[in-house]
Protein backbone atom coordinates (compact mmCIF):
# COMPACT_ATOMS: atom_id res chain seq x y z
CA MET A 1 -97.68 52.56 1.68
CA GLU A 2 -94.35 51.14 0.51
CA MET A 3 -92.13 53.56 -1.39
CA THR A 4 -91.25 52.63 -4.97
CA THR A 5 -87.66 52.18 -6.10
CA LYS A 6 -88.03 55.14 -8.43
CA LYS A 7 -89.09 57.37 -5.52
CA LYS A 8 -86.16 56.12 -3.44
CA ILE A 9 -83.71 57.01 -6.22
CA GLU A 10 -85.30 60.46 -6.43
CA LEU A 11 -84.63 60.89 -2.71
CA VAL A 12 -81.03 59.77 -3.19
CA ASN A 13 -80.67 62.44 -5.87
CA THR A 14 -82.23 64.98 -3.51
CA TYR A 15 -79.81 64.02 -0.74
CA ILE A 16 -76.77 64.34 -3.02
CA ARG A 17 -77.98 67.65 -4.36
CA GLY A 18 -78.56 68.84 -0.81
CA LYS A 19 -74.91 68.11 -0.08
CA GLY A 20 -73.99 70.58 -2.83
CA PHE A 21 -73.26 68.16 -5.69
CA ILE A 22 -75.05 67.73 -9.01
CA TYR A 23 -74.44 64.82 -11.37
CA GLU A 24 -75.77 64.52 -14.90
CA ARG A 25 -79.29 63.21 -15.35
CA GLY A 26 -79.38 59.43 -15.06
CA VAL A 27 -75.98 58.99 -13.37
CA ILE A 28 -77.38 57.95 -9.97
CA GLU A 29 -79.96 55.70 -11.64
CA ASN A 30 -77.21 54.08 -13.70
CA PHE A 31 -74.99 53.55 -10.66
CA TRP A 32 -77.81 51.87 -8.75
CA LEU A 33 -78.73 49.68 -11.72
CA SER A 34 -75.10 48.64 -12.15
CA LEU A 35 -74.75 47.63 -8.48
CA LYS A 36 -78.10 45.85 -8.56
CA SER A 37 -77.11 43.87 -11.64
CA LYS A 38 -73.62 42.86 -10.43
CA PRO A 39 -71.78 43.77 -7.19
CA PHE A 40 -68.73 45.00 -9.09
CA VAL A 41 -68.65 48.46 -10.66
CA ILE A 42 -65.73 50.45 -12.06
CA LEU A 43 -65.86 54.24 -12.27
CA GLY A 44 -63.27 55.42 -14.78
CA GLY A 45 -62.16 58.64 -16.40
CA ILE A 46 -60.00 61.67 -15.86
CA SER A 47 -59.01 62.78 -12.37
CA GLY A 48 -61.24 65.15 -10.44
CA THR A 49 -64.63 64.32 -11.99
CA GLY A 50 -66.33 63.25 -8.75
CA LYS A 51 -65.99 59.46 -8.93
CA THR A 52 -64.99 58.90 -5.30
CA ARG A 53 -67.39 61.58 -4.11
CA LEU A 54 -70.28 59.84 -5.89
CA VAL A 55 -69.61 56.58 -4.05
CA LYS A 56 -69.35 58.32 -0.68
CA LEU A 57 -72.52 60.35 -1.17
CA PHE A 58 -74.48 57.37 -2.51
CA ALA A 59 -73.44 55.27 0.50
CA GLU A 60 -74.46 58.09 2.87
CA ALA A 61 -77.78 58.56 1.08
CA ILE A 62 -78.88 54.93 1.53
CA GLY A 63 -77.34 54.43 4.97
CA ALA A 64 -74.76 51.93 3.70
CA GLU A 65 -71.41 51.29 5.39
CA LEU A 66 -68.52 52.54 3.25
CA ARG A 67 -65.05 51.09 3.59
CA MET A 68 -62.26 52.60 1.52
CA VAL A 69 -58.99 50.86 0.62
CA ALA A 70 -56.20 52.61 -1.31
CA VAL A 71 -54.65 50.27 -3.88
CA ARG A 72 -50.86 50.01 -3.84
CA PRO A 73 -48.80 49.59 -7.02
CA ASP A 74 -46.86 46.66 -5.51
CA TRP A 75 -49.91 44.40 -5.19
CA THR A 76 -49.25 41.32 -7.34
CA ASP A 77 -51.61 38.87 -5.62
CA SER A 78 -54.50 38.79 -3.17
CA SER A 79 -52.40 38.50 0.01
CA ALA A 80 -52.66 42.22 0.82
CA LEU A 81 -56.46 41.97 0.63
CA LEU A 82 -57.19 38.52 2.06
CA GLY A 83 -54.11 37.78 4.16
CA ARG A 84 -51.03 35.60 4.23
CA SER A 85 -49.50 32.74 6.14
CA THR A 86 -46.31 33.24 8.15
CA PRO A 87 -43.42 30.74 8.17
CA ASN A 88 -44.52 29.50 11.59
CA GLY A 89 -48.00 28.68 10.34
CA ASP A 90 -49.92 31.69 11.63
CA PHE A 91 -52.37 33.52 9.38
CA ILE A 92 -52.35 37.33 9.19
CA PRO A 93 -55.69 38.60 7.82
CA GLY A 94 -55.66 41.30 5.14
CA GLN A 95 -57.59 44.54 5.42
CA VAL A 96 -60.30 43.47 2.97
CA LEU A 97 -60.77 40.15 4.77
CA ARG A 98 -61.58 42.07 7.93
CA ILE A 99 -64.17 44.09 6.00
CA ILE A 100 -65.68 40.86 4.60
CA VAL A 101 -66.06 39.45 8.09
CA GLU A 102 -67.62 42.72 9.27
CA ALA A 103 -70.16 42.61 6.44
CA LYS A 104 -70.90 38.93 7.08
CA ASP A 105 -71.70 39.71 10.73
CA ASP A 106 -74.10 42.53 9.74
CA PRO A 107 -76.07 40.91 6.86
CA GLU A 108 -79.00 43.33 6.70
CA LYS A 109 -76.87 46.42 6.02
CA PRO A 110 -75.22 47.00 2.60
CA TYR A 111 -71.43 47.43 2.69
CA ILE A 112 -69.66 49.22 -0.16
CA LEU A 113 -65.96 48.48 -0.51
CA LEU A 114 -64.28 51.28 -2.45
CA LEU A 115 -60.92 50.43 -4.03
CA ASP A 116 -59.41 53.82 -4.75
CA GLU A 117 -57.28 54.06 -7.92
CA MET A 118 -57.67 50.34 -8.38
CA ASN A 119 -55.56 50.14 -11.56
CA LEU A 120 -52.34 51.36 -9.92
CA ALA A 121 -51.68 47.60 -9.84
CA ARG A 122 -52.92 44.94 -12.25
CA VAL A 123 -56.51 44.26 -11.22
CA GLU A 124 -56.57 40.73 -12.63
CA TYR A 125 -53.62 39.84 -10.37
CA TYR A 126 -54.64 41.07 -6.93
CA LEU A 127 -58.39 40.67 -7.46
CA SER A 128 -58.34 37.28 -9.20
CA ASP A 129 -59.79 35.37 -6.22
CA PHE A 130 -62.70 37.82 -5.96
CA LEU A 131 -63.40 37.72 -9.69
CA SER A 132 -63.52 33.93 -9.72
CA VAL A 133 -65.64 33.52 -6.58
CA MET A 134 -68.07 36.22 -7.70
CA GLU A 135 -68.98 34.03 -10.68
CA THR A 136 -70.10 31.23 -8.33
CA ARG A 137 -72.99 33.25 -6.87
CA ASP A 138 -76.16 31.22 -6.47
CA PHE A 139 -79.42 31.39 -4.56
CA LYS A 140 -79.77 29.14 -1.51
CA ASP A 141 -82.79 29.53 0.78
CA GLY A 142 -83.32 33.06 -0.51
CA LYS A 143 -79.72 34.13 0.12
CA ILE A 144 -76.92 34.61 -2.38
CA VAL A 145 -74.00 32.31 -1.57
CA THR A 146 -70.61 31.75 -3.21
CA ASP A 147 -67.72 29.35 -3.01
CA ARG A 148 -65.07 30.00 -0.36
CA LEU A 149 -62.55 32.79 -0.83
CA LEU A 150 -60.04 30.99 1.40
CA PRO A 151 -59.49 27.39 2.47
CA PHE A 152 -61.51 26.77 5.63
CA GLU A 153 -58.44 26.03 7.74
CA TYR A 154 -57.06 29.55 7.19
CA TYR A 155 -59.85 31.71 8.59
CA GLY A 156 -63.06 29.71 8.80
CA ASP A 157 -65.90 29.82 6.28
CA VAL A 158 -65.05 33.00 4.33
CA ARG A 159 -67.21 33.67 1.28
CA PHE A 160 -68.21 36.78 -0.69
CA PRO A 161 -71.11 38.21 1.37
CA GLU A 162 -74.34 39.02 -0.43
CA ASN A 163 -74.33 42.48 1.18
CA LEU A 164 -70.84 43.47 -0.04
CA TYR A 165 -70.52 45.64 -3.17
CA LEU A 166 -67.16 46.24 -4.79
CA VAL A 167 -66.58 49.62 -6.46
CA GLY A 168 -63.29 50.71 -7.99
CA THR A 169 -62.25 54.17 -9.13
CA VAL A 170 -59.66 54.43 -11.88
CA ASN A 171 -57.74 57.15 -13.68
CA MET A 172 -56.55 56.19 -17.15
CA ASP A 173 -53.10 57.70 -17.64
CA GLU A 174 -49.44 56.75 -18.02
CA THR A 175 -49.15 55.72 -14.33
CA THR A 176 -51.87 53.05 -14.45
CA PHE A 177 -52.51 49.65 -16.04
CA PRO A 178 -55.17 48.93 -18.66
CA PHE A 179 -57.94 46.42 -17.95
CA SER A 180 -57.97 42.90 -19.30
CA LYS A 181 -61.15 41.51 -20.87
CA LYS A 182 -61.42 39.20 -17.85
CA VAL A 183 -61.99 42.27 -15.67
CA LEU A 184 -64.16 44.20 -18.13
CA ASP A 185 -66.46 41.22 -18.69
CA ARG A 186 -67.15 40.99 -14.96
CA ALA A 187 -67.87 44.65 -14.20
CA ASN A 188 -70.07 47.51 -15.25
CA THR A 189 -67.60 50.20 -16.29
CA ILE A 190 -69.04 53.71 -15.99
CA GLU A 191 -67.06 56.50 -17.67
CA PHE A 192 -66.72 59.93 -16.01
CA ASN A 193 -65.28 62.41 -18.48
CA THR A 194 -67.97 65.06 -18.85
CA VAL A 195 -66.84 68.27 -17.14
CA ASN A 196 -68.77 71.54 -16.86
CA LEU A 197 -66.61 74.12 -15.07
CA MET A 198 -69.45 76.60 -14.60
CA PRO A 199 -70.84 76.77 -11.04
CA THR A 200 -73.97 74.69 -10.50
CA ASP A 201 -77.18 75.81 -8.85
CA ALA A 202 -76.87 73.19 -6.12
CA VAL A 203 -77.48 74.72 -2.70
CA TYR A 204 -76.27 73.06 0.48
CA ASP A 205 -79.26 71.90 2.51
CA PRO A 206 -78.48 70.72 6.07
CA THR A 207 -81.98 69.27 6.43
CA VAL A 208 -81.56 66.40 3.93
CA VAL A 209 -81.52 62.96 5.53
CA PRO A 210 -80.58 59.50 4.20
CA ILE A 211 -83.30 56.99 3.36
CA GLU A 212 -81.68 54.16 5.40
CA GLU A 213 -82.20 51.15 3.13
CA ASP A 214 -81.43 47.53 4.01
CA ASN A 215 -79.56 45.16 1.70
CA SER A 216 -82.62 44.33 -0.39
CA PHE A 217 -82.22 47.72 -2.07
CA LEU A 218 -78.99 46.58 -3.77
CA LYS A 219 -79.22 42.79 -3.64
CA SER A 220 -79.25 41.13 -7.05
CA LYS A 221 -82.63 39.86 -8.14
CA TYR A 222 -81.39 38.03 -11.23
CA LEU A 223 -78.42 35.64 -11.33
CA PHE A 224 -79.22 33.21 -14.15
CA LEU A 225 -80.91 33.88 -17.46
CA SER A 226 -82.66 30.50 -17.36
CA GLN A 227 -84.34 31.44 -14.07
CA SER A 228 -85.52 34.74 -15.57
CA MET A 229 -87.16 33.30 -18.71
CA ASN A 230 -90.70 33.16 -17.37
CA GLU A 231 -93.82 34.20 -19.23
CA GLU A 232 -93.57 37.78 -17.96
CA ASN A 233 -89.97 38.27 -19.06
CA ARG A 234 -89.52 36.12 -22.16
CA GLU A 235 -90.58 38.59 -24.84
CA PHE A 236 -88.58 41.41 -23.25
CA ILE A 237 -85.45 39.26 -22.90
CA GLU A 238 -85.71 38.04 -26.48
CA SER A 239 -85.95 41.61 -27.76
CA ILE A 240 -82.75 42.55 -25.86
CA CYS A 241 -80.94 39.46 -27.16
CA THR A 242 -82.04 40.27 -30.71
CA ASP A 243 -80.39 43.70 -30.41
CA LEU A 244 -77.25 42.12 -28.95
CA GLU A 245 -77.11 39.58 -31.76
CA GLU A 246 -77.01 42.43 -34.29
CA ILE A 247 -74.11 44.03 -32.42
CA ASN A 248 -72.32 40.71 -31.94
CA ARG A 249 -72.41 39.95 -35.67
CA VAL A 250 -70.39 43.11 -36.26
CA LEU A 251 -67.97 42.31 -33.43
CA LYS A 252 -67.46 38.73 -34.58
CA VAL A 253 -65.85 39.82 -37.86
CA ASN A 254 -62.87 41.02 -35.83
CA ASN A 255 -63.12 38.23 -33.24
CA ALA A 256 -64.25 40.78 -30.64
CA HIS A 257 -67.69 39.32 -29.97
CA VAL A 258 -69.01 38.95 -26.44
CA GLY A 259 -70.03 35.77 -24.66
CA TYR A 260 -72.88 34.61 -22.49
CA ARG A 261 -71.68 36.41 -19.35
CA VAL A 262 -71.88 39.83 -21.01
CA ARG A 263 -75.24 38.96 -22.57
CA ASP A 264 -76.68 37.87 -19.23
CA GLU A 265 -75.46 40.91 -17.33
CA ILE A 266 -76.85 43.28 -19.94
CA VAL A 267 -80.19 41.46 -19.74
CA PHE A 268 -80.18 41.71 -15.93
CA TYR A 269 -79.40 45.44 -16.14
CA MET A 270 -82.32 45.90 -18.52
CA LEU A 271 -84.70 43.81 -16.38
CA ASN A 272 -83.80 45.79 -13.26
CA ASN A 273 -84.40 49.02 -15.14
CA ARG A 274 -87.76 47.83 -16.44
CA ASP A 275 -88.84 46.63 -12.98
CA ALA A 276 -87.91 49.96 -11.37
CA GLY A 277 -89.13 52.16 -14.23
CA LEU A 278 -86.06 54.42 -14.11
CA LEU A 279 -84.79 54.99 -17.67
CA SER A 280 -86.26 54.55 -21.12
CA ARG A 281 -85.42 51.28 -22.83
CA ASP A 282 -83.05 52.97 -25.30
CA ASP A 283 -81.31 55.03 -22.60
CA ALA A 284 -80.75 51.90 -20.50
CA MET A 285 -79.47 49.93 -23.51
CA ASP A 286 -77.19 52.85 -24.38
CA ASN A 287 -75.67 52.61 -20.89
CA ALA A 288 -75.27 48.85 -21.18
CA ILE A 289 -73.42 49.13 -24.50
CA MET A 290 -71.14 51.84 -23.09
CA GLN A 291 -70.38 49.76 -20.00
CA LYS A 292 -70.16 46.20 -21.27
CA ILE A 293 -69.24 46.28 -24.98
CA LEU A 294 -67.31 49.37 -26.09
CA PRO A 295 -64.62 49.26 -23.33
CA ARG A 296 -63.41 45.93 -24.80
CA ILE A 297 -62.59 47.42 -28.22
CA GLN A 298 -59.06 48.58 -29.00
CA GLY A 299 -56.39 48.10 -31.64
CA SER A 300 -54.54 49.45 -34.66
CA SER A 301 -55.91 47.17 -37.38
CA VAL A 302 -57.95 48.73 -40.16
CA PHE A 303 -60.56 46.09 -39.35
CA VAL A 304 -61.07 47.73 -35.95
CA ARG A 305 -61.95 50.99 -37.70
CA GLU A 306 -64.39 49.27 -40.04
CA MET A 307 -65.98 47.46 -37.11
CA LEU A 308 -66.51 50.75 -35.28
CA CYS A 309 -68.06 52.29 -38.38
CA GLU A 310 -70.51 49.40 -38.65
CA LEU A 311 -71.36 49.71 -34.96
CA PHE A 312 -71.99 53.42 -35.44
CA LYS A 313 -74.63 52.60 -38.05
CA ILE A 314 -76.49 50.53 -35.44
CA PHE A 315 -76.18 53.17 -32.73
CA ALA A 316 -77.14 56.10 -34.99
CA GLY A 317 -80.34 54.39 -36.11
CA GLU A 318 -82.09 55.97 -39.07
CA ASN A 319 -79.45 58.63 -39.77
CA THR A 320 -76.66 56.63 -41.44
CA GLU A 321 -77.69 56.97 -45.06
CA ILE A 322 -75.49 60.04 -45.60
CA LEU A 323 -72.26 58.44 -44.34
CA SER A 324 -69.51 58.71 -46.94
CA ASP A 325 -66.52 56.43 -47.41
CA ASN A 326 -64.52 58.75 -45.14
CA LYS A 327 -66.96 58.16 -42.27
CA GLY A 328 -65.08 59.75 -39.39
CA MET A 329 -66.12 63.40 -39.85
CA ASP A 330 -69.62 62.50 -41.05
CA MET A 331 -70.31 60.77 -37.75
CA TYR A 332 -70.05 63.96 -35.72
CA ALA A 333 -72.40 65.72 -38.13
CA LEU A 334 -75.04 63.07 -37.42
CA LEU A 335 -74.85 63.11 -33.64
CA GLY A 336 -77.09 66.14 -33.14
CA LYS A 337 -79.84 64.87 -35.43
CA LYS A 338 -83.11 63.35 -34.27
CA GLY A 339 -83.47 59.59 -34.43
CA VAL A 340 -80.07 58.65 -33.00
CA LYS A 341 -80.98 55.48 -31.11
CA TYR A 342 -78.05 55.27 -28.69
CA PRO A 343 -76.51 58.77 -28.52
CA LYS A 344 -73.76 58.10 -25.94
CA SER A 345 -72.57 54.97 -27.70
CA ALA A 346 -72.72 56.72 -31.09
CA GLU A 347 -70.68 59.68 -29.79
CA LYS A 348 -68.10 57.38 -28.19
CA THR A 349 -67.78 55.33 -31.37
CA ALA A 350 -67.27 58.49 -33.42
CA PHE A 351 -64.54 59.55 -30.99
CA MET A 352 -62.83 56.16 -31.28
CA VAL A 353 -62.87 56.37 -35.09
CA ARG A 354 -61.47 59.92 -34.99
CA ARG A 355 -58.72 58.77 -32.64
CA PHE A 356 -57.87 55.93 -35.05
CA ASP A 357 -57.65 58.39 -37.96
CA GLU A 358 -55.36 60.71 -35.99
CA ASP A 359 -53.16 58.20 -34.14
CA GLY A 360 -53.37 54.98 -36.15
CA ALA A 361 -54.82 53.13 -33.15
CA THR A 362 -57.79 53.52 -30.84
CA SER A 363 -59.31 52.46 -27.53
CA PHE A 364 -62.29 53.31 -25.35
CA TRP A 365 -60.21 55.16 -22.79
CA LEU A 366 -58.76 58.64 -23.14
């Protein structure tokens, strides 16, 4: 009897726990959903919260190949990753190009490429070729294909393999670069800032074994919204888009509204969650808002503050009737009440408003 996706994720959690690590409820599910929806995930937050460890343990747990590349601050283009031509016409392949070829030659096994501290350099500079080619993904004879990453004459037919998954870890501090909307729109950005310094009850178990999954476990099922609008999915998709329309109306006042790419990737995330039966609808939508919408908001205009307050009303659900004109402190009083629809998004929005009140400007990142 074939094992369900939900059972597989439970076994991944068991494996990670058996290695002595415990992550908050839903973190592993969210990471899988993010990779399944788009092969580009960013793990951000303060240093030492287990971002790199999560990627390594997840790769071990599913039997994926993990390749780690440390980003250098002097990367200004893709030559360090893909390669460069010499004056005499030779081509020297970059370290990521060699990983791409390795993945291409082993198509049944998932490969996770971990870019460690990826914002030590400007991501939109050195990763621009990957970001562009990733948007050309299409189904052909059951496989996901893309345009070429390099001209054919450089290194043959090099494309973004369907079994390659790009994960970046980032620390947001004075030594790193912020993300452009071009990057944020193309990734699921998962924040790691929750820290509990008390020892956990995780016990190392040497008997845990990986589940050894092939690429179908992570391969995207949905690439185009038009292909997903069948009779089974239409009502569900329309309900998600209705919720996004409400959010987008608030964002549009400050010209911060999202486009079709963000809409589609949120819908795919929600469809994958529904198909696998992992999270409740509201919990999954809460993750999607945190990962695709809120990271784009920043600024010092009073209109940014008002926009955040209006978003909070949507996220807090039925509890917003007691908000006063000075909404910042009232928000925190509402967070613990029942009926908050999207608790993580509501808490983050309250934090962003408080930061605006204290500093005169705000952003998603600490």
